Amino acid sequence: MQTRQYSFETQRKVGQEGETFLDEWLSPVYKVLDVSEDLKYRHSGIDRVVTRLDGSVITVEYKFDVAAKRTRNLFFETVSNDKEQIPGWGWSSQADYWIFLIPKQEIIVFQPAKLRALVWELQKSLKERMVSNKGYNTIGYPVPLIQARKVAFHIKTLYLENL
């Protein structure tokens, strides 16, 4: 069985489409500041700083999971780069919320501690997966959507034509 190799640059461009969509979803209600190019935020796993109507500020990491609709799993990254031993966002992100976009299906918002606790609880029953990239592998767990939805903070069903 041949494994598909992913290109970081290609995945980044696809992710930017998802980021634009999520910015548009949030912006009618919240002030959304893109901090994804700021190294201070990037190293903390933060893509956006969001100001709520009451003036309070939260941080968000976006996830654009194009395979989730087909696989019925969210990919929870435990190792970002196995060659350099870089921890995955699943354990290292310091964002207040993770917002997953599953194209043509749904947006799922998580408080990281709740999804981490679910992964920890299910870890023995989940099968670790390796995703081949150019020169390294990313490692993580496919988490069943049916389980992940149970710990979600918010779920929005989508009917998209262009994503």
C-alpha atoms as a PDB file:
ATOM      1  CA  MET A   1       0.000   0.000   0.000  1.00  0.00           C
ATOM      2  CA  GLN A   2       1.479   3.328  -1.056  1.00  0.00           C
ATOM      3  CA  THR A   3       1.252   6.149   1.456  1.00  0.00           C
ATOM      4  CA  ARG A   4       0.380   9.613   0.284  1.00  0.00           C
ATOM      5  CA  GLN A   5       3.049  12.217   0.987  1.00  0.00           C
ATOM      6  CA  TYR A   6       1.945  15.677   2.054  1.00  0.00           C
ATOM      7  CA  SER A   7       3.647  18.934   1.216  1.00  0.00           C
ATOM      8  CA  PHE A   8       3.740  21.452   4.066  1.00  0.00           C
ATOM      9  CA  GLU A   9       3.418  24.350   1.614  1.00  0.00           C
ATOM     10  CA  THR A  10       0.393  22.808  -0.146  1.00  0.00           C
ATOM     11  CA  GLN A  11      -1.270  22.073   3.196  1.00  0.00           C
ATOM     12  CA  ARG A  12      -0.574  25.644   4.327  1.00  0.00           C
ATOM     13  CA  LYS A  13      -2.309  27.081   1.240  1.00  0.00           C
ATOM     14  CA  VAL A  14      -5.323  24.820   1.752  1.00  0.00           C
ATOM     15  CA  GLY A  15      -5.370  25.838   5.411  1.00  0.00           C
ATOM     16  CA  GLN A  16      -5.412  29.518   4.459  1.00  0.00           C
ATOM     17  CA  GLU A  17      -8.691  28.954   2.592  1.00  0.00           C
ATOM     18  CA  GLY A  18     -10.139  27.513   5.764  1.00  0.00           C
ATOM     19  CA  GLU A  19      -8.759  30.411   7.829  1.00  0.00           C
ATOM     20  CA  THR A  20     -10.481  32.918   5.562  1.00  0.00           C
ATOM     21  CA  PHE A  21     -13.761  31.049   5.912  1.00  0.00           C
ATOM     22  CA  LEU A  22     -13.481  30.893   9.718  1.00  0.00           C
ATOM     23  CA  ASP A  23     -12.530  34.589   9.924  1.00  0.00           C
ATOM     24  CA  GLU A  24     -15.697  35.407   7.960  1.00  0.00           C
ATOM     25  CA  TRP A  25     -17.753  33.124  10.233  1.00  0.00           C
ATOM     26  CA  LEU A  26     -16.481  34.843  13.399  1.00  0.00           C
ATOM     27  CA  SER A  27     -16.223  38.466  12.233  1.00  0.00           C
ATOM     28  CA  PRO A  28     -19.908  39.466  12.266  1.00  0.00           C
ATOM     29  CA  VAL A  29     -19.897  38.967  16.047  1.00  0.00           C
ATOM     30  CA  TYR A  30     -16.242  39.260  17.124  1.00  0.00           C
ATOM     31  CA  LYS A  31     -13.204  41.347  16.286  1.00  0.00           C
ATOM     32  CA  VAL A  32     -10.690  38.885  14.775  1.00  0.00           C
ATOM     33  CA  LEU A  33      -6.978  39.652  14.612  1.00  0.00           C
ATOM     34  CA  ASP A  34      -4.765  37.390  12.473  1.00  0.00           C
ATOM     35  CA  VAL A  35      -1.558  36.720  14.419  1.00  0.00           C
ATOM     36  CA  SER A  36      -0.528  33.595  12.503  1.00  0.00           C
ATOM     37  CA  GLU A  37       2.610  35.236  11.070  1.00  0.00           C
ATOM     38  CA  ASP A  38       3.765  36.571  14.446  1.00  0.00           C
ATOM     39  CA  LEU A  39       6.420  34.147  15.771  1.00  0.00           C
ATOM     40  CA  LYS A  40       5.462  34.787  19.405  1.00  0.00           C
ATOM     41  CA  TYR A  41       1.948  33.502  18.698  1.00  0.00           C
ATOM     42  CA  ARG A  42       2.941  30.866  16.145  1.00  0.00           C
ATOM     43  CA  HIS A  43       5.208  29.093  18.653  1.00  0.00           C
ATOM     44  CA  SER A  44       2.264  28.996  21.062  1.00  0.00           C
ATOM     45  CA  GLY A  45      -0.086  27.490  18.478  1.00  0.00           C
ATOM     46  CA  ILE A  46      -2.244  30.590  18.187  1.00  0.00           C
ATOM     47  CA  ASP A  47      -3.680  31.785  14.862  1.00  0.00           C
ATOM     48  CA  ARG A  48      -6.128  34.464  15.985  1.00  0.00           C
ATOM     49  CA  VAL A  49      -6.738  36.824  18.870  1.00  0.00           C
ATOM     50  CA  VAL A  50     -10.483  37.309  19.198  1.00  0.00           C
ATOM     51  CA  THR A  51     -12.173  40.136  21.094  1.00  0.00           C
ATOM     52  CA  ARG A  52     -15.646  39.330  22.397  1.00  0.00           C
ATOM     53  CA  LEU A  53     -18.517  41.811  22.617  1.00  0.00           C
ATOM     54  CA  ASP A  54     -17.815  42.326  26.335  1.00  0.00           C
ATOM     55  CA  GLY A  55     -14.206  43.306  25.526  1.00  0.00           C
ATOM     56  CA  SER A  56     -12.641  40.094  26.829  1.00  0.00           C
ATOM     57  CA  VAL A  57      -9.972  38.517  24.655  1.00  0.00           C
ATOM     58  CA  ILE A  58      -9.441  34.854  23.770  1.00  0.00           C
ATOM     59  CA  THR A  59      -6.911  33.064  21.582  1.00  0.00           C
ATOM     60  CA  VAL A  60      -7.818  30.561  18.895  1.00  0.00           C
ATOM     61  CA  GLU A  61      -6.039  27.958  16.809  1.00  0.00           C
ATOM     62  CA  TYR A  62      -7.715  26.987  13.537  1.00  0.00           C
ATOM     63  CA  LYS A  63      -7.692  23.443  12.173  1.00  0.00           C
ATOM     64  CA  PHE A  64      -8.824  22.705   8.616  1.00  0.00           C
ATOM     65  CA  ASP A  65      -9.402  18.950   8.425  1.00  0.00           C
ATOM     66  CA  VAL A  66     -10.257  18.046   4.828  1.00  0.00           C
ATOM     67  CA  ALA A  67     -10.100  14.281   5.489  1.00  0.00           C
ATOM     68  CA  ALA A  68     -12.465  14.273   8.485  1.00  0.00           C
ATOM     69  CA  LYS A  69     -15.658  14.083   6.431  1.00  0.00           C
ATOM     70  CA  ARG A  70     -14.386  10.999   4.606  1.00  0.00           C
ATOM     71  CA  THR A  71     -12.718   9.294   7.579  1.00  0.00           C
ATOM     72  CA  ARG A  72     -15.206  10.392  10.252  1.00  0.00           C
ATOM     73  CA  ASN A  73     -12.207  11.209  12.455  1.00  0.00           C
ATOM     74  CA  LEU A  74     -10.409  14.343  13.590  1.00  0.00           C
ATOM     75  CA  PHE A  75      -6.634  14.099  13.472  1.00  0.00           C
ATOM     76  CA  PHE A  76      -5.106  14.926  16.874  1.00  0.00           C
ATOM     77  CA  GLU A  77      -1.426  15.652  16.225  1.00  0.00           C
ATOM     78  CA  THR A  78       0.971  14.386  18.913  1.00  0.00           C
ATOM     79  CA  VAL A  79       4.276  14.828  17.018  1.00  0.00           C
ATOM     80  CA  SER A  80       4.581  17.525  14.368  1.00  0.00           C
ATOM     81  CA  ASN A  81       7.953  16.416  13.029  1.00  0.00           C
ATOM     82  CA  ASP A  82       9.427  13.053  14.053  1.00  0.00           C
ATOM     83  CA  LYS A  83      12.924  13.845  12.720  1.00  0.00           C
ATOM     84  CA  GLU A  84      13.305  16.978  14.832  1.00  0.00           C
ATOM     85  CA  GLN A  85      11.093  15.674  17.671  1.00  0.00           C
ATOM     86  CA  ILE A  86       8.775  18.685  17.541  1.00  0.00           C
ATOM     87  CA  PRO A  87       5.672  18.160  19.685  1.00  0.00           C
ATOM     88  CA  GLY A  88       2.341  18.278  17.890  1.00  0.00           C
ATOM     89  CA  TRP A  89      -0.254  20.970  18.425  1.00  0.00           C
ATOM     90  CA  GLY A  90      -2.446  18.528  20.364  1.00  0.00           C
ATOM     91  CA  TRP A  91      -0.141  18.702  23.367  1.00  0.00           C
ATOM     92  CA  SER A  92       1.673  21.999  22.765  1.00  0.00           C
ATOM     93  CA  SER A  93      -0.962  24.522  21.646  1.00  0.00           C
ATOM     94  CA  GLN A  94      -1.626  27.249  24.194  1.00  0.00           C
ATOM     95  CA  ALA A  95      -4.757  28.596  22.489  1.00  0.00           C
ATOM     96  CA  ASP A  96      -7.920  29.040  24.550  1.00  0.00           C
ATOM     97  CA  TYR A  97     -10.012  27.382  21.831  1.00  0.00           C
ATOM     98  CA  TRP A  98      -9.463  25.160  18.806  1.00  0.00           C
ATOM     99  CA  ILE A  99     -11.832  25.656  15.891  1.00  0.00           C
ATOM    100  CA  PHE A 100     -11.980  22.783  13.415  1.00  0.00           C
ATOM    101  CA  LEU A 101     -13.435  23.345   9.964  1.00  0.00           C
ATOM    102  CA  ILE A 102     -14.584  20.213   8.213  1.00  0.00           C
ATOM    103  CA  PRO A 103     -15.453  21.429   4.701  1.00  0.00           C
ATOM    104  CA  LYS A 104     -19.056  20.992   3.593  1.00  0.00           C
ATOM    105  CA  GLN A 105     -19.902  19.485   6.961  1.00  0.00           C
ATOM    106  CA  GLU A 106     -19.342  21.448  10.146  1.00  0.00           C
ATOM    107  CA  ILE A 107     -17.372  23.730  12.406  1.00  0.00           C
ATOM    108  CA  ILE A 108     -16.494  22.284  15.799  1.00  0.00           C
ATOM    109  CA  VAL A 109     -15.154  24.437  18.626  1.00  0.00           C
ATOM    110  CA  PHE A 110     -13.225  22.807  21.471  1.00  0.00           C
ATOM    111  CA  GLN A 111     -11.693  23.904  24.712  1.00  0.00           C
ATOM    112  CA  PRO A 112      -8.305  22.172  24.360  1.00  0.00           C
ATOM    113  CA  ALA A 113      -8.383  20.587  27.819  1.00  0.00           C
ATOM    114  CA  LYS A 114     -11.591  18.719  26.972  1.00  0.00           C
ATOM    115  CA  LEU A 115     -10.319  17.280  23.684  1.00  0.00           C
ATOM    116  CA  ARG A 116      -6.978  16.417  25.291  1.00  0.00           C
ATOM    117  CA  ALA A 117      -8.783  14.625  28.120  1.00  0.00           C
ATOM    118  CA  LEU A 118     -10.820  12.644  25.585  1.00  0.00           C
ATOM    119  CA  VAL A 119      -7.686  11.632  23.672  1.00  0.00           C
ATOM    120  CA  TRP A 120      -6.000  10.630  26.922  1.00  0.00           C
ATOM    121  CA  GLU A 121      -9.063   8.580  27.917  1.00  0.00           C
ATOM    122  CA  LEU A 122      -9.319   6.863  24.513  1.00  0.00           C
ATOM    123  CA  GLN A 123      -5.566   6.567  23.899  1.00  0.00           C
ATOM    124  CA  LYS A 124      -5.414   2.797  24.418  1.00  0.00           C
ATOM    125  CA  SER A 125      -8.237   2.200  21.949  1.00  0.00           C
ATOM    126  CA  LEU A 126      -7.041   4.722  19.328  1.00  0.00           C
ATOM    127  CA  LYS A 127      -4.633   3.594  16.653  1.00  0.00           C
ATOM    128  CA  GLU A 128      -1.674   5.923  16.199  1.00  0.00           C
ATOM    129  CA  ARG A 129      -1.192   7.081  12.598  1.00  0.00           C
ATOM    130  CA  MET A 130       1.825   8.415  10.769  1.00  0.00           C
ATOM    131  CA  VAL A 131       1.396  10.997   8.002  1.00  0.00           C
ATOM    132  CA  SER A 132       4.287  11.125   5.561  1.00  0.00           C
ATOM    133  CA  ASN A 133       5.654  14.552   4.687  1.00  0.00           C
ATOM    134  CA  LYS A 134       8.735  15.494   2.679  1.00  0.00           C
ATOM    135  CA  GLY A 135      11.637  14.332   4.871  1.00  0.00           C
ATOM    136  CA  TYR A 136       9.695  13.704   8.068  1.00  0.00           C
ATOM    137  CA  ASN A 137       6.501  12.233   9.493  1.00  0.00           C
ATOM    138  CA  THR A 138       3.686  13.715  11.525  1.00  0.00           C
ATOM    139  CA  ILE A 139       2.187  11.415  14.145  1.00  0.00           C
ATOM    140  CA  GLY A 140      -1.202  11.519  15.807  1.00  0.00           C
ATOM    141  CA  TYR A 141      -4.454   9.831  16.652  1.00  0.00           C
ATOM    142  CA  PRO A 142      -7.590   9.724  14.548  1.00  0.00           C
ATOM    143  CA  VAL A 143     -10.323  10.613  17.046  1.00  0.00           C
ATOM    144  CA  PRO A 144     -13.830   9.479  16.059  1.00  0.00           C
ATOM    145  CA  LEU A 145     -16.027  12.504  15.332  1.00  0.00           C
ATOM    146  CA  ILE A 146     -18.892  10.876  17.198  1.00  0.00           C
ATOM    147  CA  GLN A 147     -16.746  10.904  20.365  1.00  0.00           C
ATOM    148  CA  ALA A 148     -15.203  14.337  19.746  1.00  0.00           C
ATOM    149  CA  ARG A 149     -18.608  15.989  19.321  1.00  0.00           C
ATOM    150  CA  LYS A 150     -19.531  14.886  22.862  1.00  0.00           C
ATOM    151  CA  VAL A 151     -16.854  17.168  24.345  1.00  0.00           C
ATOM    152  CA  ALA A 152     -17.292  20.071  21.902  1.00  0.00           C
ATOM    153  CA  PHE A 153     -17.973  23.574  23.166  1.00  0.00           C
ATOM    154  CA  HIS A 154     -19.977  24.468  20.034  1.00  0.00           C
ATOM    155  CA  ILE A 155     -20.979  22.736  16.784  1.00  0.00           C
ATOM    156  CA  LYS A 156     -22.214  24.501  13.650  1.00  0.00           C
ATOM    157  CA  THR A 157     -23.516  22.390  10.757  1.00  0.00           C
ATOM    158  CA  LEU A 158     -22.480  23.647   7.310  1.00  0.00           C
ATOM    159  CA  TYR A 159     -23.753  23.319   3.807  1.00  0.00           C
ATOM    160  CA  LEU A 160     -20.940  24.748   1.734  1.00  0.00           C
ATOM    161  CA  GLU A 161     -20.602  24.885  -2.010  1.00  0.00           C
ATOM    162  CA  ASN A 162     -17.124  26.326  -2.396  1.00  0.00           C
ATOM    163  CA  LEU A 163     -14.982  24.677   0.286  1.00  0.00           C
END
